[in-house]
Amino acid sequence: MRSTGNKVSRVGFFQNPIKRTRTIWGFLFSLPWIIGFLGFTLIPIIQSFYYSLTEYSIFRSPKWVGLDNYVYLFTRDRLFTTALKNTLYMTVFGTALTLIVALLLALLLNTKLRARSLFRTIFYIPSILPQVASSLVWMWILNSRWGLLNNLLNSLGIASVNWFGDAAYTKPSLIMIGVWCCGNIMIIFLAALQDVPRSLYEAAEIDGAGTMSKFRHITLPSLSPSLLFQIIMGVINGFQYFTQAYIISNASGAEQRTYGPQNSMLFYAGYMYSRGFVNFDMGLASAMAWVLFIIVAIVTVIILKSSRRWVYYGG
């Protein structure tokens, strides 16, 4: 390219065969990703927004209804409200408890513990197991009749709990499964802990700081960027919670459209799946997808805005 002051002449670019050839090859190498993005991401997003404004199923052509799908969701669909409440419960309490347990495990495994590498591997393995397999394992552990956990409670003189048959225990049971799979979060916290300068702890010890004071004023601020990332990912994953609840509710003998006792395992993604691929109401399912997108976007923006007060970056 020829530079003329602050302006760059683009004529030289097209006249330069080497740069033109490199640009063409670069575009050709990027073409598979571009085609995939257009065909499997951008165009479906645009289509889903259009379908959310229509009455549409696989067997009928779309019929324009405007905002009727959105009005129906918020005014007449009781299951939508139930699914949203269950999902909010799972997102808030499940994410918070998972982060706390993952942080405690990371703090423990960051100490000079014997067989530390072995324990790190043991705690990490559940996070890489397929969700279907882990769900089946926990269905055996939490079985109301002969489950491992109920047998343990009975040996301690505590009555058995109907974990997946009582609406009061279904969501805590699912949260328990999520906490068991916190190994990936633990690894990120562990890496962040090892990146904290040791000199900060030494200076704090010279000033007479105790364990809790060092944790509050050094460890937590140093972990805050990783904590912000995990909170955002936890919120996104929480609002899309689906697999475990769907498998357990169906395998427990519940009908596909009830999702556990009193619909206590009916979550947003599961209800959206039921609307779209069981009832074939693609218009309403598309509207639910856009409502979910807006909710997640708003919550993410709020978290990012609030992070200015509690997230600290090095330097």
Protein backbone atom coordinates (compact mmCIF):
# COMPACT_ATOMS: atom_id res chain seq x y z
CA MET A 1 0.00 0.00 0.00
CA ARG A 2 1.11 3.60 -0.61
CA SER A 3 0.83 5.92 2.36
CA THR A 4 -0.16 9.54 1.64
CA GLY A 5 0.14 11.40 4.93
CA ASN A 6 -2.48 10.04 7.35
CA LYS A 7 -4.40 8.39 4.54
CA VAL A 8 -3.57 5.04 3.03
CA SER A 9 -4.09 4.60 -0.67
CA ARG A 10 -5.97 1.41 -1.39
CA VAL A 11 -5.16 1.44 -5.07
CA GLY A 12 -1.72 0.01 -4.37
CA PHE A 13 -3.26 -2.95 -2.58
CA PHE A 14 -5.18 -4.08 -5.65
CA GLN A 15 -2.17 -3.46 -7.86
CA ASN A 16 0.15 -5.48 -5.63
CA PRO A 17 -0.14 -9.11 -6.79
CA ILE A 18 1.54 -10.55 -3.69
CA LYS A 19 -0.81 -8.87 -1.22
CA ARG A 20 -3.80 -9.63 -3.42
CA THR A 21 -2.84 -13.31 -3.60
CA ARG A 22 -2.33 -13.53 0.16
CA THR A 23 -5.72 -11.93 0.75
CA ILE A 24 -7.43 -14.36 -1.60
CA TRP A 25 -5.76 -17.36 0.06
CA GLY A 26 -6.61 -16.02 3.49
CA PHE A 27 -10.24 -15.66 2.47
CA LEU A 28 -10.29 -19.19 1.00
CA PHE A 29 -8.88 -20.67 4.21
CA SER A 30 -11.49 -18.76 6.20
CA LEU A 31 -14.31 -19.72 3.86
CA PRO A 32 -15.28 -23.00 5.64
CA TRP A 33 -15.73 -21.11 8.92
CA ILE A 34 -17.62 -18.29 7.19
CA ILE A 35 -19.98 -20.76 5.51
CA GLY A 36 -20.48 -22.62 8.79
CA PHE A 37 -21.15 -19.38 10.68
CA LEU A 38 -23.68 -18.19 8.12
CA GLY A 39 -25.39 -21.56 7.67
CA PHE A 40 -25.45 -22.77 11.27
CA THR A 41 -25.41 -19.58 13.36
CA LEU A 42 -26.38 -16.28 11.75
CA ILE A 43 -29.15 -17.46 9.41
CA PRO A 44 -30.79 -19.71 12.08
CA ILE A 45 -30.72 -16.77 14.53
CA ILE A 46 -32.51 -14.55 12.01
CA GLN A 47 -34.98 -17.33 11.18
CA SER A 48 -35.73 -17.99 14.86
CA PHE A 49 -36.55 -14.32 15.40
CA TYR A 50 -38.93 -14.42 12.44
CA TYR A 51 -40.52 -17.66 13.64
CA SER A 52 -41.00 -16.16 17.13
CA LEU A 53 -43.42 -13.70 15.49
CA THR A 54 -45.38 -16.44 13.75
CA GLU A 55 -47.54 -19.46 14.47
CA TYR A 56 -45.34 -22.17 13.03
CA SER A 57 -44.87 -25.90 13.21
CA ILE A 58 -42.94 -28.34 11.07
CA PHE A 59 -46.14 -29.41 9.30
CA ARG A 60 -47.56 -25.95 8.55
CA SER A 61 -46.23 -22.80 6.94
CA PRO A 62 -45.51 -19.85 9.25
CA LYS A 63 -48.49 -17.60 9.95
CA TRP A 64 -47.73 -14.08 11.13
CA VAL A 65 -49.07 -13.34 14.61
CA GLY A 66 -46.82 -10.49 15.73
CA LEU A 67 -46.11 -10.42 19.47
CA ASP A 68 -48.87 -12.90 20.36
CA ASN A 69 -46.36 -15.61 21.32
CA TYR A 70 -44.63 -13.32 23.80
CA VAL A 71 -47.92 -12.11 25.25
CA TYR A 72 -49.10 -15.70 25.66
CA LEU A 73 -45.92 -16.71 27.50
CA PHE A 74 -46.13 -13.95 30.09
CA THR A 75 -49.90 -13.86 30.58
CA ARG A 76 -51.45 -17.30 29.99
CA ASP A 77 -48.73 -19.95 30.12
CA ARG A 78 -48.41 -21.16 33.71
CA LEU A 79 -45.79 -23.74 32.85
CA PHE A 80 -43.59 -20.97 31.45
CA THR A 81 -43.69 -19.21 34.82
CA THR A 82 -42.96 -22.48 36.64
CA ALA A 83 -40.02 -23.26 34.35
CA LEU A 84 -38.61 -19.75 34.78
CA LYS A 85 -38.86 -19.93 38.59
CA ASN A 86 -37.21 -23.36 38.71
CA THR A 87 -34.44 -22.15 36.43
CA LEU A 88 -33.82 -19.03 38.52
CA TYR A 89 -33.64 -21.20 41.65
CA MET A 90 -31.15 -23.53 39.99
CA THR A 91 -29.07 -20.68 38.60
CA VAL A 92 -28.80 -18.68 41.83
CA PHE A 93 -28.36 -21.43 44.41
CA GLY A 94 -26.67 -23.96 42.15
CA THR A 95 -24.09 -21.51 40.83
CA ALA A 96 -23.37 -20.03 44.27
CA LEU A 97 -22.93 -23.39 46.00
CA THR A 98 -20.84 -24.83 43.16
CA LEU A 99 -18.48 -21.84 43.22
CA ILE A 100 -18.10 -22.01 47.00
CA VAL A 101 -17.29 -25.73 47.00
CA ALA A 102 -14.92 -25.37 44.04
CA LEU A 103 -13.09 -22.52 45.78
CA LEU A 104 -12.78 -24.48 49.04
CA LEU A 105 -11.39 -27.49 47.17
CA ALA A 106 -8.92 -25.28 45.31
CA LEU A 107 -7.74 -23.73 48.57
CA LEU A 108 -7.33 -27.20 50.09
CA LEU A 109 -5.47 -28.62 47.11
CA ASN A 110 -3.19 -25.57 46.95
CA THR A 111 -1.67 -26.48 50.32
CA LYS A 112 1.26 -28.85 50.87
CA LEU A 113 -0.89 -31.96 51.02
CA ARG A 114 0.38 -35.49 50.59
CA ALA A 115 -0.78 -37.15 47.34
CA ARG A 116 -1.99 -33.74 46.22
CA SER A 117 -1.85 -34.64 42.53
CA LEU A 118 -3.96 -37.73 43.16
CA PHE A 119 -6.65 -35.74 44.95
CA ARG A 120 -6.68 -33.14 42.19
CA THR A 121 -7.30 -35.90 39.66
CA ILE A 122 -10.03 -37.50 41.76
CA PHE A 123 -11.91 -34.21 42.19
CA TYR A 124 -11.52 -33.32 38.51
CA ILE A 125 -12.69 -36.62 36.99
CA PRO A 126 -16.47 -36.08 37.58
CA SER A 127 -16.40 -32.90 35.48
CA ILE A 128 -15.25 -34.79 32.38
CA LEU A 129 -17.77 -37.62 32.68
CA PRO A 130 -20.72 -37.54 30.23
CA GLN A 131 -23.75 -35.93 31.82
CA VAL A 132 -25.90 -38.93 30.95
CA ALA A 133 -23.53 -41.30 32.75
CA SER A 134 -23.25 -39.08 35.84
CA SER A 135 -27.03 -38.72 35.96
CA LEU A 136 -27.50 -42.49 35.95
CA VAL A 137 -24.90 -42.89 38.68
CA TRP A 138 -26.67 -40.36 40.89
CA MET A 139 -30.03 -41.97 40.24
CA TRP A 140 -28.54 -45.09 41.84
CA ILE A 141 -26.97 -43.14 44.72
CA LEU A 142 -30.17 -41.20 45.46
CA ASN A 143 -32.64 -44.01 44.87
CA SER A 144 -35.39 -43.77 47.50
CA ARG A 145 -35.49 -47.54 48.20
CA TRP A 146 -31.98 -48.95 47.91
CA GLY A 147 -29.85 -45.91 47.16
CA LEU A 148 -26.36 -45.61 48.63
CA LEU A 149 -27.07 -42.29 50.36
CA ASN A 150 -30.30 -43.47 51.96
CA ASN A 151 -28.56 -46.60 53.22
CA LEU A 152 -25.95 -44.35 54.81
CA LEU A 153 -28.63 -42.19 56.41
CA ASN A 154 -30.44 -45.25 57.72
CA SER A 155 -27.25 -46.53 59.31
CA LEU A 156 -27.05 -43.19 61.17
CA GLY A 157 -30.65 -43.50 62.34
CA ILE A 158 -32.02 -40.97 59.84
CA ALA A 159 -35.12 -41.73 57.80
CA SER A 160 -34.82 -42.25 54.05
CA VAL A 161 -35.44 -39.30 51.75
CA ASN A 162 -37.38 -39.54 48.50
CA TRP A 163 -34.87 -37.44 46.61
CA PHE A 164 -36.48 -37.48 43.16
CA GLY A 165 -40.04 -38.24 44.25
CA ASP A 166 -40.59 -35.30 46.59
CA ALA A 167 -40.84 -31.82 45.10
CA ALA A 168 -39.01 -30.36 48.12
CA TYR A 169 -35.87 -32.40 47.38
CA THR A 170 -35.67 -32.58 43.59
CA LYS A 171 -33.84 -29.30 42.97
CA PRO A 172 -31.44 -29.74 45.95
CA SER A 173 -30.65 -33.18 44.54
CA LEU A 174 -29.86 -31.72 41.14
CA ILE A 175 -27.71 -29.04 42.78
CA MET A 176 -25.85 -31.84 44.60
CA ILE A 177 -25.07 -33.43 41.23
CA GLY A 178 -23.84 -30.10 39.89
CA VAL A 179 -21.57 -29.55 42.88
CA TRP A 180 -20.11 -33.03 42.37
CA CYS A 181 -19.05 -31.94 38.86
CA CYS A 182 -17.26 -28.74 39.94
CA GLY A 183 -13.78 -30.04 39.06
CA ASN A 184 -13.36 -27.80 36.02
CA ILE A 185 -14.12 -24.72 38.10
CA MET A 186 -11.77 -25.96 40.82
CA ILE A 187 -8.92 -26.25 38.30
CA ILE A 188 -9.36 -22.64 37.18
CA PHE A 189 -9.39 -21.40 40.77
CA LEU A 190 -6.34 -23.52 41.52
CA ALA A 191 -4.44 -22.01 38.61
CA ALA A 192 -5.41 -18.52 39.77
CA LEU A 193 -4.26 -19.29 43.32
CA GLN A 194 -0.86 -20.40 42.10
CA ASP A 195 -0.52 -17.13 40.22
CA VAL A 196 -0.86 -15.01 43.37
CA PRO A 197 2.57 -13.55 44.27
CA ARG A 198 3.96 -15.12 47.41
CA SER A 199 5.49 -11.77 48.36
CA LEU A 200 2.02 -10.40 49.13
CA TYR A 201 1.43 -13.08 51.75
CA GLU A 202 4.88 -12.55 53.23
CA ALA A 203 4.30 -8.81 53.54
CA ALA A 204 0.92 -9.42 55.17
CA GLU A 205 2.46 -11.85 57.66
CA ILE A 206 5.07 -9.25 58.60
CA ASP A 207 2.24 -6.81 59.30
CA GLY A 208 0.59 -9.39 61.55
CA ALA A 209 -2.27 -10.43 59.25
CA GLY A 210 -4.06 -13.67 60.09
CA THR A 211 -5.38 -16.39 57.81
CA MET A 212 -8.81 -14.86 57.30
CA SER A 213 -7.35 -11.39 56.80
CA LYS A 214 -4.99 -12.69 54.09
CA PHE A 215 -7.84 -14.55 52.43
CA ARG A 216 -10.06 -11.46 52.42
CA HIS A 217 -7.52 -8.85 51.37
CA ILE A 218 -5.16 -10.87 49.15
CA THR A 219 -6.66 -14.15 47.97
CA LEU A 220 -10.16 -13.01 47.06
CA PRO A 221 -9.06 -9.84 45.20
CA SER A 222 -6.50 -11.90 43.28
CA LEU A 223 -9.16 -14.47 42.39
CA SER A 224 -11.78 -11.88 41.43
CA PRO A 225 -11.16 -12.00 37.64
CA SER A 226 -11.52 -15.79 37.64
CA LEU A 227 -14.53 -15.50 39.92
CA LEU A 228 -16.18 -13.04 37.52
CA PHE A 229 -15.63 -15.42 34.62
CA GLN A 230 -17.06 -18.37 36.55
CA ILE A 231 -20.11 -16.40 37.69
CA ILE A 232 -20.95 -15.38 34.13
CA MET A 233 -20.44 -18.92 32.81
CA GLY A 234 -22.45 -20.31 35.72
CA VAL A 235 -25.35 -17.98 34.93
CA ILE A 236 -25.29 -18.88 31.24
CA ASN A 237 -25.10 -22.61 31.94
CA GLY A 238 -27.72 -22.35 34.70
CA PHE A 239 -30.30 -20.79 32.40
CA GLN A 240 -29.64 -23.58 29.88
CA TYR A 241 -29.87 -26.38 32.45
CA PHE A 242 -31.48 -29.39 30.82
CA THR A 243 -29.76 -32.77 30.57
CA GLN A 244 -29.78 -34.09 34.14
CA ALA A 245 -33.35 -32.99 34.87
CA TYR A 246 -34.64 -34.44 31.60
CA ILE A 247 -32.95 -37.83 32.08
CA ILE A 248 -33.82 -38.21 35.76
CA SER A 249 -37.44 -37.10 35.46
CA ASN A 250 -38.12 -39.46 32.56
CA ALA A 251 -36.17 -42.41 33.93
CA SER A 252 -37.90 -42.03 37.29
CA GLY A 253 -41.18 -42.95 35.68
CA ALA A 254 -42.55 -39.44 35.24
CA GLU A 255 -44.33 -38.51 32.06
CA GLN A 256 -42.29 -36.56 29.57
CA ARG A 257 -44.38 -33.41 29.94
CA THR A 258 -44.54 -33.32 33.75
CA TYR A 259 -40.83 -33.25 34.62
CA GLY A 260 -40.91 -34.63 38.11
CA PRO A 261 -43.37 -34.21 40.99
CA GLN A 262 -45.37 -30.98 40.68
CA ASN A 263 -43.19 -30.05 37.70
CA SER A 264 -40.34 -29.36 40.11
CA MET A 265 -37.81 -30.50 37.48
CA LEU A 266 -39.35 -28.46 34.69
CA PHE A 267 -36.60 -26.06 33.63
CA TYR A 268 -36.60 -23.41 30.94
CA ALA A 269 -34.56 -25.32 28.36
CA GLY A 270 -36.58 -28.48 28.96
CA TYR A 271 -39.87 -26.68 28.50
CA MET A 272 -38.56 -24.98 25.37
CA TYR A 273 -37.53 -28.39 24.02
CA SER A 274 -40.97 -29.78 24.85
CA ARG A 275 -42.71 -26.91 23.08
CA GLY A 276 -40.56 -27.17 19.97
CA PHE A 277 -39.92 -30.88 19.51
CA VAL A 278 -42.79 -32.56 21.39
CA ASN A 279 -45.69 -30.20 20.66
CA PHE A 280 -44.08 -28.95 17.43
CA ASP A 281 -44.91 -25.36 18.36
CA MET A 282 -41.77 -23.85 16.85
CA GLY A 283 -43.10 -20.31 16.95
CA LEU A 284 -43.58 -20.38 20.71
CA ALA A 285 -40.29 -22.20 21.24
CA SER A 286 -38.48 -19.54 19.20
CA ALA A 287 -40.10 -16.82 21.30
CA MET A 288 -38.89 -18.61 24.43
CA ALA A 289 -35.37 -18.72 22.99
CA TRP A 290 -35.36 -14.97 22.45
CA VAL A 291 -36.75 -14.31 25.94
CA LEU A 292 -33.94 -16.47 27.32
CA PHE A 293 -31.37 -14.55 25.28
CA ILE A 294 -32.65 -11.22 26.58
CA ILE A 295 -32.68 -12.41 30.20
CA VAL A 296 -29.14 -13.80 30.01
CA ALA A 297 -27.89 -10.66 28.26
CA ILE A 298 -29.42 -8.38 30.91
CA VAL A 299 -28.06 -10.45 33.80
CA THR A 300 -24.60 -10.58 32.18
CA VAL A 301 -24.52 -6.81 31.68
CA ILE A 302 -25.55 -6.27 35.32
CA ILE A 303 -22.76 -8.58 36.51
CA LEU A 304 -20.19 -6.86 34.31
CA LYS A 305 -21.31 -3.42 35.49
CA SER A 306 -21.10 -4.45 39.14
CA SER A 307 -17.67 -6.03 38.59
CA ARG A 308 -16.07 -2.59 38.56
CA ARG A 309 -16.53 -2.46 42.33
CA TRP A 310 -15.15 -5.87 43.28
CA VAL A 311 -12.91 -7.17 40.48
CA TYR A 312 -9.22 -6.26 40.69
CA TYR A 313 -6.71 -6.74 37.89
CA GLY A 314 -2.98 -6.87 38.31
CA GLY A 315 -1.35 -3.49 37.71
